[in-house]
């Protein structure tokens, strides 16, 4: 329970229903905010805090005491507010679709993150996945190289669980996954992973990752290049249904 929110409701005489009406959301949405770890969109946080006569950080301290890297924070806000996310990965599955075991293996087995920091990074990654479970989730489309399905990250059991979870995630109407088959030769995806986010006001931002840190992209020329790369990788990929069939078959090979 988010006790700070519960107390603020009581102190101001608000109910879940009255706060929902003032903020402009469904009462079920406010009900979910009562759960610890469920953080509203920034526009709803501000409106709710104003109605409850509290600072945002008093009700949702995670928004001000985050321990994630400073360079990543601007992208997190863009990701949280996006209405559309288009994500290409050539070596691992997108973080928003990773199981706990798979994510732990990705973060810990390479040895690049100090052992004591792995669990913190893992918590942050899994917490971000709430983006796809919120009331108004973005349309999420992922394209991955077939090699991602066959790389033994965490071992056979982890891969089998991960690929089954991937298929299950695609049961949601806002989640689509496409696989670029191994038979495809050179294509734009060989140049590396990227993410494209579209905001409600139609602004577009991009994100590139490397060994040191991520890079936020907003220059129109760079965005145009990323959009062209997306069209290329999406064009080389199998259909959503064909991709799910392939993922299901590969999952059976992880014994």
Protein backbone atom coordinates (compact mmCIF):
# COMPACT_ATOMS: atom_id res chain seq x y z
CA UNK A 1 0.00 0.00 0.00
CA UNK A 2 1.16 3.51 -0.83
CA UNK A 3 0.56 4.85 2.68
CA UNK A 4 1.51 8.41 1.73
CA UNK A 5 -1.24 8.53 -0.88
CA UNK A 6 -3.75 6.92 1.49
CA UNK A 7 -3.01 9.48 4.20
CA UNK A 8 -3.18 12.38 1.73
CA UNK A 9 -6.62 11.22 0.57
CA UNK A 10 -7.83 11.04 4.16
CA UNK A 11 -6.39 14.42 5.16
CA UNK A 12 -8.00 16.25 2.23
CA UNK A 13 -11.31 14.43 2.37
CA UNK A 14 -10.83 13.04 -1.10
CA UNK A 15 -11.96 9.58 -2.10
CA UNK A 16 -10.52 7.51 -4.91
CA UNK A 17 -13.53 8.50 -6.99
CA UNK A 18 -13.33 12.23 -6.28
CA UNK A 19 -9.59 12.38 -6.96
CA UNK A 20 -10.06 10.45 -10.19
CA UNK A 21 -12.70 12.97 -11.30
CA UNK A 22 -10.47 15.94 -10.51
CA UNK A 23 -7.41 14.46 -12.24
CA UNK A 24 -9.38 13.16 -15.21
CA UNK A 25 -8.76 9.44 -14.95
CA UNK A 26 -10.80 6.33 -14.21
CA UNK A 27 -11.22 5.46 -10.50
CA UNK A 28 -9.62 2.10 -11.21
CA UNK A 29 -6.48 3.98 -12.23
CA UNK A 30 -6.30 5.81 -8.92
CA UNK A 31 -6.94 2.51 -7.19
CA UNK A 32 -3.84 1.14 -8.84
CA UNK A 33 -1.84 4.14 -7.63
CA UNK A 34 -2.57 2.94 -4.12
CA UNK A 35 -0.25 -0.01 -4.78
CA UNK A 36 3.34 0.64 -3.83
CA UNK A 37 5.54 0.97 -6.89
CA UNK A 38 2.75 2.10 -9.26
CA UNK A 39 3.73 5.58 -10.43
CA UNK A 40 1.31 7.65 -12.58
CA UNK A 41 2.23 9.58 -15.70
CA UNK A 42 3.97 12.83 -14.85
CA UNK A 43 0.94 14.94 -15.86
CA UNK A 44 -1.29 12.91 -13.52
CA UNK A 45 1.29 13.01 -10.71
CA UNK A 46 1.35 16.80 -10.81
CA UNK A 47 -2.44 17.15 -10.90
CA UNK A 48 -2.96 14.63 -8.10
CA UNK A 49 -0.31 16.19 -5.88
CA UNK A 50 -1.86 19.62 -6.37
CA UNK A 51 -5.31 18.32 -5.44
CA UNK A 52 -3.88 16.57 -2.37
CA UNK A 53 -1.80 19.62 -1.37
CA UNK A 54 1.40 17.61 -1.29
CA UNK A 55 4.71 17.66 -3.14
CA UNK A 56 4.98 14.94 -5.77
CA UNK A 57 8.05 13.56 -3.97
CA UNK A 58 6.02 13.18 -0.74
CA UNK A 59 3.62 10.76 -2.42
CA UNK A 60 5.88 9.14 -4.99
CA UNK A 61 9.43 9.45 -3.58
CA UNK A 62 10.85 7.11 -6.22
CA UNK A 63 10.51 9.92 -8.74
CA UNK A 64 13.00 12.09 -6.83
CA UNK A 65 15.26 9.50 -5.20
CA UNK A 66 16.00 7.36 -8.20
CA UNK A 67 19.34 5.65 -8.29
CA UNK A 68 19.41 5.01 -11.99
CA UNK A 69 22.17 6.73 -14.02
CA UNK A 70 21.59 10.44 -14.59
CA UNK A 71 22.10 10.07 -18.34
CA UNK A 72 19.25 7.53 -18.49
CA UNK A 73 16.61 9.61 -16.70
CA UNK A 74 15.50 11.79 -19.66
CA UNK A 75 14.85 8.67 -21.73
CA UNK A 76 12.91 7.02 -18.87
CA UNK A 77 10.51 9.95 -18.81
CA UNK A 78 10.11 9.85 -22.59
CA UNK A 79 9.57 6.08 -22.46
CA UNK A 80 6.96 6.43 -19.71
CA UNK A 81 4.98 9.08 -21.61
CA UNK A 82 5.20 7.53 -25.10
CA UNK A 83 2.15 6.39 -27.03
CA UNK A 84 4.31 4.29 -29.33
CA UNK A 85 7.62 2.48 -28.84
CA UNK A 86 9.46 0.83 -31.72
CA UNK A 87 12.42 -1.21 -30.54
CA UNK A 88 15.08 -3.16 -32.43
CA UNK A 89 17.54 -5.53 -30.78
CA UNK A 90 20.17 -7.71 -32.43
CA UNK A 91 21.75 -9.42 -29.40
CA UNK A 92 19.26 -9.53 -26.50
CA UNK A 93 15.52 -9.13 -26.00
CA UNK A 94 14.17 -5.65 -25.24
CA UNK A 95 14.36 -4.86 -21.53
CA UNK A 96 10.60 -4.31 -21.28
CA UNK A 97 10.02 -7.95 -22.30
CA UNK A 98 12.73 -9.67 -20.26
CA UNK A 99 11.91 -12.16 -17.51
CA UNK A 100 13.62 -11.74 -14.15
CA UNK A 101 15.98 -14.68 -14.74
CA UNK A 102 16.89 -13.53 -18.25
CA UNK A 103 17.45 -9.94 -17.12
CA UNK A 104 19.61 -11.09 -14.21
CA UNK A 105 21.76 -13.10 -16.61
CA UNK A 106 22.08 -10.19 -19.05
CA UNK A 107 23.09 -7.80 -16.28
CA UNK A 108 25.27 -10.11 -14.22
CA UNK A 109 26.97 -12.71 -16.37
CA UNK A 110 28.95 -10.28 -18.53
CA UNK A 111 30.82 -9.07 -15.46
CA UNK A 112 30.57 -5.40 -16.47
CA UNK A 113 28.32 -4.43 -13.56
CA UNK A 114 29.73 -4.80 -10.03
CA UNK A 115 28.16 -7.80 -8.34
CA UNK A 116 26.70 -5.63 -5.59
CA UNK A 117 24.88 -3.43 -8.13
CA UNK A 118 23.23 -6.18 -10.19
CA UNK A 119 20.11 -6.47 -8.02
CA UNK A 120 19.60 -2.69 -8.07
CA UNK A 121 19.82 -2.59 -11.85
CA UNK A 122 17.54 -5.63 -12.04
CA UNK A 123 14.90 -3.94 -9.87
CA UNK A 124 14.99 -0.83 -12.05
CA UNK A 125 14.63 -2.85 -15.25
CA UNK A 126 11.71 -4.91 -13.97
CA UNK A 127 10.03 -1.82 -12.54
CA UNK A 128 10.12 -0.16 -15.97
CA UNK A 129 8.06 -3.03 -17.37
CA UNK A 130 5.01 -1.52 -15.69
CA UNK A 131 4.86 0.75 -18.73
CA UNK A 132 3.30 -2.10 -20.71
CA UNK A 133 0.82 -2.93 -17.93
CA UNK A 134 -0.63 0.50 -17.25
CA UNK A 135 -4.15 1.52 -18.22
CA UNK A 136 -3.03 3.37 -21.35
CA UNK A 137 0.07 1.47 -22.46
CA UNK A 138 2.02 2.48 -25.56
CA UNK A 139 1.75 0.50 -28.76
CA UNK A 140 4.89 -1.58 -28.41
CA UNK A 141 6.49 -3.12 -31.49
CA UNK A 142 9.75 -5.02 -31.21
CA UNK A 143 11.93 -6.42 -33.96
CA UNK A 144 14.66 -8.85 -32.92
CA UNK A 145 17.23 -10.85 -34.81
CA UNK A 146 16.70 -14.62 -34.77
CA UNK A 147 20.11 -14.95 -33.10
CA UNK A 148 18.53 -13.44 -29.97
CA UNK A 149 16.25 -16.48 -29.66
CA UNK A 150 19.15 -18.90 -29.95
CA UNK A 151 21.76 -17.28 -27.70
CA UNK A 152 21.88 -19.29 -24.40
CA UNK A 153 21.52 -16.35 -22.02
CA UNK A 154 21.21 -17.83 -18.53
CA UNK A 155 21.05 -21.40 -19.83
CA UNK A 156 18.34 -23.60 -21.40
CA UNK A 157 15.77 -23.29 -18.60
CA UNK A 158 16.01 -19.50 -18.58
CA UNK A 159 15.69 -19.33 -22.36
CA UNK A 160 12.70 -21.68 -22.41
CA UNK A 161 10.94 -19.60 -19.75
CA UNK A 162 11.85 -16.35 -21.52
CA UNK A 163 10.58 -17.38 -24.94
CA UNK A 164 7.33 -18.71 -23.50
CA UNK A 165 6.90 -15.44 -21.62
CA UNK A 166 7.55 -13.57 -24.86
CA UNK A 167 4.73 -15.43 -26.60
CA UNK A 168 2.43 -14.80 -23.63
CA UNK A 169 3.22 -11.06 -23.69
CA UNK A 170 2.11 -10.94 -27.31
CA UNK A 171 -1.39 -11.98 -26.27
CA UNK A 172 -1.87 -8.32 -25.34
CA UNK A 173 -3.20 -6.28 -28.27
CA UNK A 174 -0.63 -3.52 -27.79
CA UNK A 175 2.43 -5.81 -27.96
CA UNK A 176 3.85 -7.06 -31.25
CA UNK A 177 7.11 -8.91 -31.88
CA UNK A 178 8.73 -9.59 -35.23
CA UNK A 179 11.79 -11.73 -35.90
CA UNK A 180 14.35 -11.14 -38.63
CA UNK A 181 15.16 -14.70 -39.78
CA UNK A 182 18.72 -15.99 -39.92
CA UNK A 183 18.41 -16.37 -43.69
CA UNK A 184 18.48 -12.58 -44.13
CA UNK A 185 21.91 -11.31 -45.11
CA UNK A 186 23.11 -7.75 -44.54
CA UNK A 187 20.45 -5.38 -43.26
CA UNK A 188 20.25 -2.16 -41.22
CA UNK A 189 20.07 -4.04 -37.93
CA UNK A 190 23.72 -5.01 -38.20
CA UNK A 191 24.56 -1.43 -37.21
CA UNK A 192 23.16 -1.93 -33.71
CA UNK A 193 20.04 -1.64 -31.53
CA UNK A 194 17.83 1.43 -31.22
CA UNK A 195 14.46 2.59 -29.90
CA UNK A 196 12.06 5.16 -31.35
CA UNK A 197 9.44 6.77 -29.09
CA UNK A 198 6.46 8.81 -30.27
CA UNK A 199 4.79 11.19 -27.80
CA UNK A 200 1.15 12.23 -27.60
CA UNK A 201 1.97 15.50 -29.36
CA UNK A 202 3.61 13.49 -32.17
CA UNK A 203 7.15 14.45 -31.26
CA UNK A 204 9.65 11.68 -31.89
CA UNK A 205 12.77 10.84 -29.90
CA UNK A 206 15.31 8.08 -30.32
CA UNK A 207 17.61 6.14 -28.04
CA UNK A 208 20.90 4.44 -28.82
CA UNK A 209 22.83 2.22 -26.40
CA UNK A 210 26.51 1.39 -26.23
CA UNK A 211 29.06 -0.12 -23.85
CA UNK A 212 29.32 3.03 -21.72
CA UNK A 213 25.92 4.70 -21.72
CA UNK A 214 22.84 5.47 -23.73
CA UNK A 215 22.42 8.41 -26.06
CA UNK A 216 19.20 10.38 -26.51
CA UNK A 217 18.53 11.41 -30.11
CA UNK A 218 16.36 14.38 -31.08
CA UNK A 219 18.04 15.97 -34.12
CA UNK A 220 15.60 15.71 -37.08
CA UNK A 221 18.28 14.37 -39.41
CA UNK A 222 19.25 11.64 -36.96
CA UNK A 223 15.61 10.77 -36.33
CA UNK A 224 15.05 10.45 -40.07
CA UNK A 225 18.01 8.05 -40.28
CA UNK A 226 16.60 5.98 -37.42
CA UNK A 227 13.18 5.87 -39.07
CA UNK A 228 14.77 4.65 -42.28
CA UNK A 229 16.63 1.96 -40.32
CA UNK A 230 13.35 0.92 -38.67
CA UNK A 231 11.62 0.57 -42.02
CA UNK A 232 14.50 -1.62 -43.17
CA UNK A 233 14.52 -3.99 -40.18
CA UNK A 234 10.74 -4.18 -40.08
CA UNK A 235 10.66 -4.94 -43.77
CA UNK A 236 13.11 -7.83 -43.39
CA UNK A 237 11.22 -9.35 -40.44
CA UNK A 238 8.59 -12.06 -40.45
CA UNK A 239 4.97 -11.21 -39.77
CA UNK A 240 3.82 -11.16 -36.15
CA UNK A 241 2.10 -14.57 -36.48
CA UNK A 242 5.04 -16.14 -38.28
CA UNK A 243 7.35 -14.73 -35.64
CA UNK A 244 5.31 -16.22 -32.80
CA UNK A 245 5.37 -19.60 -34.51
CA UNK A 246 9.15 -19.38 -34.80
CA UNK A 247 9.57 -18.29 -31.18
CA UNK A 248 7.37 -21.18 -30.04
CA UNK A 249 9.41 -23.68 -32.04
CA UNK A 250 12.73 -22.35 -30.77
CA UNK A 251 11.42 -22.49 -27.19
CA UNK A 252 10.92 -26.25 -27.60
CA UNK A 253 14.61 -26.67 -28.47
CA UNK A 254 15.73 -25.30 -25.10
CA UNK A 255 15.63 -28.55 -23.14
